[in-house]
C-alpha atoms as a PDB file:
ATOM      1  CA  UNK A   1      -1.486   6.353  20.891  1.00  0.00           C
ATOM      2  CA  UNK A   2      -5.331   6.929  20.289  1.00  0.00           C
ATOM      3  CA  UNK A   3      -6.819   3.564  20.717  1.00  0.00           C
ATOM      4  CA  UNK A   4      -4.261   2.853  23.499  1.00  0.00           C
ATOM      5  CA  UNK A   5      -5.205   3.030  27.573  1.00  0.00           C
ATOM      6  CA  UNK A   6      -2.042   3.965  28.545  1.00  0.00           C
ATOM      7  CA  UNK A   7      -1.708   7.418  28.418  1.00  0.00           C
ATOM      8  CA  UNK A   8       1.303  10.066  28.640  1.00  0.00           C
ATOM      9  CA  UNK A   9       0.115  11.065  31.564  1.00  0.00           C
ATOM     10  CA  UNK A  10       3.043  14.112  31.590  1.00  0.00           C
ATOM     11  CA  UNK A  11       4.332  14.932  28.614  1.00  0.00           C
ATOM     12  CA  UNK A  12       7.590  16.372  28.952  1.00  0.00           C
ATOM     13  CA  UNK A  13       8.738  13.315  31.534  1.00  0.00           C
ATOM     14  CA  UNK A  14      11.059  10.577  31.330  1.00  0.00           C
ATOM     15  CA  UNK A  15       8.600   7.189  30.280  1.00  0.00           C
ATOM     16  CA  UNK A  16       9.867   3.527  29.851  1.00  0.00           C
ATOM     17  CA  UNK A  17       7.736   2.691  26.862  1.00  0.00           C
ATOM     18  CA  UNK A  18       7.838  -1.068  24.403  1.00  0.00           C
ATOM     19  CA  UNK A  19       7.640  -0.840  20.752  1.00  0.00           C
ATOM     20  CA  UNK A  20       6.439  -4.507  19.443  1.00  0.00           C
ATOM     21  CA  UNK A  21       6.191  -6.136  15.678  1.00  0.00           C
ATOM     22  CA  UNK A  22       2.636  -7.017  14.754  1.00  0.00           C
ATOM     23  CA  UNK A  23       2.316 -10.238  15.692  1.00  0.00           C
ATOM     24  CA  UNK A  24       5.645 -10.346  17.431  1.00  0.00           C
ATOM     25  CA  UNK A  25       7.719 -10.542  13.662  1.00  0.00           C
ATOM     26  CA  UNK A  26      11.578 -10.828  14.208  1.00  0.00           C
ATOM     27  CA  UNK A  27      12.571  -8.304  11.680  1.00  0.00           C
ATOM     28  CA  UNK A  28      15.587  -6.950  14.222  1.00  0.00           C
ATOM     29  CA  UNK A  29      17.818  -9.784  12.882  1.00  0.00           C
ATOM     30  CA  UNK A  30      19.921  -7.900  10.679  1.00  0.00           C
ATOM     31  CA  UNK A  31      21.709  -4.710  10.621  1.00  0.00           C
ATOM     32  CA  UNK A  32      20.057  -2.689   8.059  1.00  0.00           C
ATOM     33  CA  UNK A  33      16.742  -3.106  10.184  1.00  0.00           C
ATOM     34  CA  UNK A  34      17.813  -1.767  13.331  1.00  0.00           C
ATOM     35  CA  UNK A  35      20.302   0.529  11.281  1.00  0.00           C
ATOM     36  CA  UNK A  36      16.797   2.505  10.371  1.00  0.00           C
ATOM     37  CA  UNK A  37      15.351   2.507  13.984  1.00  0.00           C
ATOM     38  CA  UNK A  38      18.557   3.803  14.997  1.00  0.00           C
ATOM     39  CA  UNK A  39      18.720   6.459  12.308  1.00  0.00           C
ATOM     40  CA  UNK A  40      15.597   7.439  13.346  1.00  0.00           C
ATOM     41  CA  UNK A  41      16.496   8.239  16.697  1.00  0.00           C
ATOM     42  CA  UNK A  42      19.664   9.915  16.209  1.00  0.00           C
ATOM     43  CA  UNK A  43      17.035  12.147  13.541  1.00  0.00           C
ATOM     44  CA  UNK A  44      15.039  12.813  16.487  1.00  0.00           C
ATOM     45  CA  UNK A  45      17.878  13.542  19.069  1.00  0.00           C
ATOM     46  CA  UNK A  46      18.754  15.820  16.824  1.00  0.00           C
ATOM     47  CA  UNK A  47      15.416  17.576  17.467  1.00  0.00           C
ATOM     48  CA  UNK A  48      14.502  17.050  21.028  1.00  0.00           C
ATOM     49  CA  UNK A  49      13.973  14.099  22.067  1.00  0.00           C
ATOM     50  CA  UNK A  50      16.539  12.856  24.689  1.00  0.00           C
ATOM     51  CA  UNK A  51      16.736   9.126  25.243  1.00  0.00           C
ATOM     52  CA  UNK A  52      17.823   7.602  28.171  1.00  0.00           C
ATOM     53  CA  UNK A  53      18.049   4.362  27.747  1.00  0.00           C
ATOM     54  CA  UNK A  54      16.984   1.471  25.213  1.00  0.00           C
ATOM     55  CA  UNK A  55      17.536  -1.714  24.036  1.00  0.00           C
ATOM     56  CA  UNK A  56      16.871  -3.359  20.378  1.00  0.00           C
ATOM     57  CA  UNK A  57      15.181  -7.439  20.727  1.00  0.00           C
ATOM     58  CA  UNK A  58      14.749  -9.403  17.807  1.00  0.00           C
ATOM     59  CA  UNK A  59      10.869  -8.348  18.402  1.00  0.00           C
ATOM     60  CA  UNK A  60      10.471  -5.070  20.315  1.00  0.00           C
ATOM     61  CA  UNK A  61      11.915  -2.477  21.295  1.00  0.00           C
ATOM     62  CA  UNK A  62      12.099  -0.783  25.093  1.00  0.00           C
ATOM     63  CA  UNK A  63      12.740   2.806  25.532  1.00  0.00           C
ATOM     64  CA  UNK A  64      13.175   5.498  28.310  1.00  0.00           C
ATOM     65  CA  UNK A  65      12.793   8.972  26.816  1.00  0.00           C
ATOM     66  CA  UNK A  66      11.564  12.017  27.474  1.00  0.00           C
ATOM     67  CA  UNK A  67      10.606  15.706  24.797  1.00  0.00           C
ATOM     68  CA  UNK A  68       8.489  18.671  24.785  1.00  0.00           C
ATOM     69  CA  UNK A  69       6.066  16.591  22.858  1.00  0.00           C
ATOM     70  CA  UNK A  70       7.009  12.640  23.816  1.00  0.00           C
ATOM     71  CA  UNK A  71       3.494  11.050  21.476  1.00  0.00           C
ATOM     72  CA  UNK A  72       4.202  13.443  18.833  1.00  0.00           C
ATOM     73  CA  UNK A  73       7.901  12.494  18.220  1.00  0.00           C
ATOM     74  CA  UNK A  74       6.996   8.296  19.097  1.00  0.00           C
ATOM     75  CA  UNK A  75       4.260   8.285  17.020  1.00  0.00           C
ATOM     76  CA  UNK A  76       6.535  10.183  14.146  1.00  0.00           C
ATOM     77  CA  UNK A  77       8.896   7.183  15.234  1.00  0.00           C
ATOM     78  CA  UNK A  78       6.711   4.046  14.802  1.00  0.00           C
ATOM     79  CA  UNK A  79       5.401   5.536  11.144  1.00  0.00           C
ATOM     80  CA  UNK A  80       8.910   6.454   9.884  1.00  0.00           C
ATOM     81  CA  UNK A  81      10.400   3.907  10.680  1.00  0.00           C
ATOM     82  CA  UNK A  82       7.499   0.773  10.272  1.00  0.00           C
ATOM     83  CA  UNK A  83       7.229   2.400   6.381  1.00  0.00           C
ATOM     84  CA  UNK A  84      11.166   2.049   6.292  1.00  0.00           C
ATOM     85  CA  UNK A  85      10.626  -1.030   6.812  1.00  0.00           C
ATOM     86  CA  UNK A  86       7.878  -2.694   4.746  1.00  0.00           C
ATOM     87  CA  UNK A  87       9.808  -0.922   1.883  1.00  0.00           C
ATOM     88  CA  UNK A  88      13.096  -2.089   3.125  1.00  0.00           C
ATOM     89  CA  UNK A  89      11.682  -6.202   3.015  1.00  0.00           C
ATOM     90  CA  UNK A  90       9.307  -5.556  -0.013  1.00  0.00           C
ATOM     91  CA  UNK A  91      12.794  -4.724  -1.542  1.00  0.00           C
ATOM     92  CA  UNK A  92      14.244  -8.218  -0.139  1.00  0.00           C
ATOM     93  CA  UNK A  93      11.515  -9.597  -0.884  1.00  0.00           C
ATOM     94  CA  UNK A  94      10.809 -10.853   2.365  1.00  0.00           C
ATOM     95  CA  UNK A  95       7.546 -12.311   1.139  1.00  0.00           C
ATOM     96  CA  UNK A  96       6.545 -14.379   4.531  1.00  0.00           C
ATOM     97  CA  UNK A  97       7.423 -11.433   6.764  1.00  0.00           C
ATOM     98  CA  UNK A  98       5.482  -9.009   4.300  1.00  0.00           C
ATOM     99  CA  UNK A  99       2.299 -11.798   4.165  1.00  0.00           C
ATOM    100  CA  UNK A 100       1.973 -11.547   8.403  1.00  0.00           C
ATOM    101  CA  UNK A 101       2.153  -7.705   8.228  1.00  0.00           C
ATOM    102  CA  UNK A 102      -0.835  -7.568   5.777  1.00  0.00           C
ATOM    103  CA  UNK A 103      -2.724 -10.930   7.209  1.00  0.00           C
ATOM    104  CA  UNK A 104      -2.293  -9.304  10.576  1.00  0.00           C
ATOM    105  CA  UNK A 105      -3.254  -5.832  10.404  1.00  0.00           C
ATOM    106  CA  UNK A 106      -6.160  -4.628  12.062  1.00  0.00           C
ATOM    107  CA  UNK A 107      -9.131  -4.002  10.175  1.00  0.00           C
ATOM    108  CA  UNK A 108      -9.407  -0.020  10.521  1.00  0.00           C
ATOM    109  CA  UNK A 109      -6.049   0.439   8.575  1.00  0.00           C
ATOM    110  CA  UNK A 110      -7.847   0.099   5.584  1.00  0.00           C
ATOM    111  CA  UNK A 111      -5.224   3.423   4.163  1.00  0.00           C
ATOM    112  CA  UNK A 112      -2.226   0.449   3.854  1.00  0.00           C
ATOM    113  CA  UNK A 113      -1.742  -2.950   2.523  1.00  0.00           C
ATOM    114  CA  UNK A 114       0.770  -3.226   5.952  1.00  0.00           C
ATOM    115  CA  UNK A 115       1.114  -2.458   9.374  1.00  0.00           C
ATOM    116  CA  UNK A 116       3.958  -2.935  10.818  1.00  0.00           C
ATOM    117  CA  UNK A 117       4.222  -2.489  14.669  1.00  0.00           C
ATOM    118  CA  UNK A 118       1.732  -2.610  16.887  1.00  0.00           C
ATOM    119  CA  UNK A 119      -0.183  -0.269  18.054  1.00  0.00           C
ATOM    120  CA  UNK A 120       0.511   1.730  21.641  1.00  0.00           C
ATOM    121  CA  UNK A 121       3.565   1.567  23.545  1.00  0.00           C
ATOM    122  CA  UNK A 122       1.942   1.351  26.859  1.00  0.00           C
ATOM    123  CA  UNK A 123       3.836   4.370  28.431  1.00  0.00           C
ATOM    124  CA  UNK A 124       5.111   4.552  32.411  1.00  0.00           C
ATOM    125  CA  UNK A 125       6.018   7.484  33.761  1.00  0.00           C
ATOM    126  CA  UNK A 126       8.753   8.347  36.104  1.00  0.00           C
ATOM    127  CA  UNK A 127       7.846   8.293  39.338  1.00  0.00           C
ATOM    128  CA  UNK A 128      11.688   9.998  40.492  1.00  0.00           C
ATOM    129  CA  UNK A 129      15.123   8.265  40.835  1.00  0.00           C
ATOM    130  CA  UNK A 130      14.273   4.408  41.736  1.00  0.00           C
ATOM    131  CA  UNK A 131      11.811   3.746  39.172  1.00  0.00           C
ATOM    132  CA  UNK A 132      14.616   5.205  36.717  1.00  0.00           C
ATOM    133  CA  UNK A 133      17.055   2.562  37.963  1.00  0.00           C
ATOM    134  CA  UNK A 134      14.855  -0.130  37.903  1.00  0.00           C
ATOM    135  CA  UNK A 135      13.458   0.304  34.273  1.00  0.00           C
ATOM    136  CA  UNK A 136      17.011   0.622  32.777  1.00  0.00           C
ATOM    137  CA  UNK A 137      18.198  -2.426  34.744  1.00  0.00           C
ATOM    138  CA  UNK A 138      15.717  -3.784  33.136  1.00  0.00           C
ATOM    139  CA  UNK A 139      15.798  -2.210  29.605  1.00  0.00           C
ATOM    140  CA  UNK A 140      20.306  -3.465  30.009  1.00  0.00           C
ATOM    141  CA  UNK A 141      19.532  -6.399  31.165  1.00  0.00           C
ATOM    142  CA  UNK A 142      16.753  -8.217  28.974  1.00  0.00           C
ATOM    143  CA  UNK A 143      19.072 -10.024  26.643  1.00  0.00           C
ATOM    144  CA  UNK A 144      20.559 -11.532  29.378  1.00  0.00           C
ATOM    145  CA  UNK A 145      17.828 -13.365  30.857  1.00  0.00           C
ATOM    146  CA  UNK A 146      16.648 -13.946  27.630  1.00  0.00           C
ATOM    147  CA  UNK A 147      20.144 -15.812  26.927  1.00  0.00           C
ATOM    148  CA  UNK A 148      21.554 -13.931  24.025  1.00  0.00           C
ATOM    149  CA  UNK A 149      24.837 -12.608  25.872  1.00  0.00           C
ATOM    150  CA  UNK A 150      26.443 -12.787  29.421  1.00  0.00           C
ATOM    151  CA  UNK A 151      26.434  -9.383  30.042  1.00  0.00           C
ATOM    152  CA  UNK A 152      24.495  -6.242  29.360  1.00  0.00           C
ATOM    153  CA  UNK A 153      27.224  -3.960  27.700  1.00  0.00           C
ATOM    154  CA  UNK A 154      27.641  -7.231  25.181  1.00  0.00           C
ATOM    155  CA  UNK A 155      24.583  -6.411  23.586  1.00  0.00           C
ATOM    156  CA  UNK A 156      25.436  -4.476  20.494  1.00  0.00           C
ATOM    157  CA  UNK A 157      22.040  -2.854  19.822  1.00  0.00           C
ATOM    158  CA  UNK A 158      21.740  -1.124  24.076  1.00  0.00           C
ATOM    159  CA  UNK A 159      22.519   1.813  25.399  1.00  0.00           C
ATOM    160  CA  UNK A 160      24.231  -0.758  28.604  1.00  0.00           C
ATOM    161  CA  UNK A 161      27.530   0.199  26.979  1.00  0.00           C
ATOM    162  CA  UNK A 162      27.340   4.102  27.366  1.00  0.00           C
ATOM    163  CA  UNK A 163      25.984   3.203  31.057  1.00  0.00           C
ATOM    164  CA  UNK A 164      29.798   1.234  31.523  1.00  0.00           C
ATOM    165  CA  UNK A 165      31.450   4.264  29.591  1.00  0.00           C
ATOM    166  CA  UNK A 166      31.649   2.793  26.004  1.00  0.00           C
ATOM    167  CA  UNK A 167      30.996   4.455  23.251  1.00  0.00           C
ATOM    168  CA  UNK A 168      27.553   2.896  22.422  1.00  0.00           C
ATOM    169  CA  UNK A 169      25.332   3.166  18.710  1.00  0.00           C
ATOM    170  CA  UNK A 170      23.620   6.184  19.419  1.00  0.00           C
ATOM    171  CA  UNK A 171      24.572   8.902  22.732  1.00  0.00           C
ATOM    172  CA  UNK A 172      22.516   8.747  25.690  1.00  0.00           C
ATOM    173  CA  UNK A 173      21.823  10.548  29.076  1.00  0.00           C
ATOM    174  CA  UNK A 174      22.834   8.674  31.363  1.00  0.00           C
ATOM    175  CA  UNK A 175      22.709  11.561  34.138  1.00  0.00           C
ATOM    176  CA  UNK A 176      19.663  11.715  35.389  1.00  0.00           C
END
């Protein structure tokens, strides 16, 4: 995340992060697009990424995760999912979104036609159990605050179900 003023201060500690679709375009309104994110997270968790909490909304996601090289893993996640989501939109001929991804692309990204993610993830190192609890609650309550559901565990694309002892879409580490 070279151009971002935020840094992973303790690379192997848990960090709270936000990944935002460029210009807040609402791409994650279909199971197919969310599935690309979930599949990428499953791959990365099989290769050392530990996820503590997540929520995927229509144009961004929040995540608490850690790994031995969290900056590298998040860069890989954004690179892969960005390419796969652009490919999906091209296949489905979603011209409105593609035009926006081309228009809002940063000028220095001259090696590509489209930019999917905003730069950076604004990582915040989790400093203790109280901060972890606050961030997990924030993540899980995000769809409730937005008025999408009445209870956090009702949001399908979240780890709130895992914390309620139910099966979620991703395995997460609820012990911290």
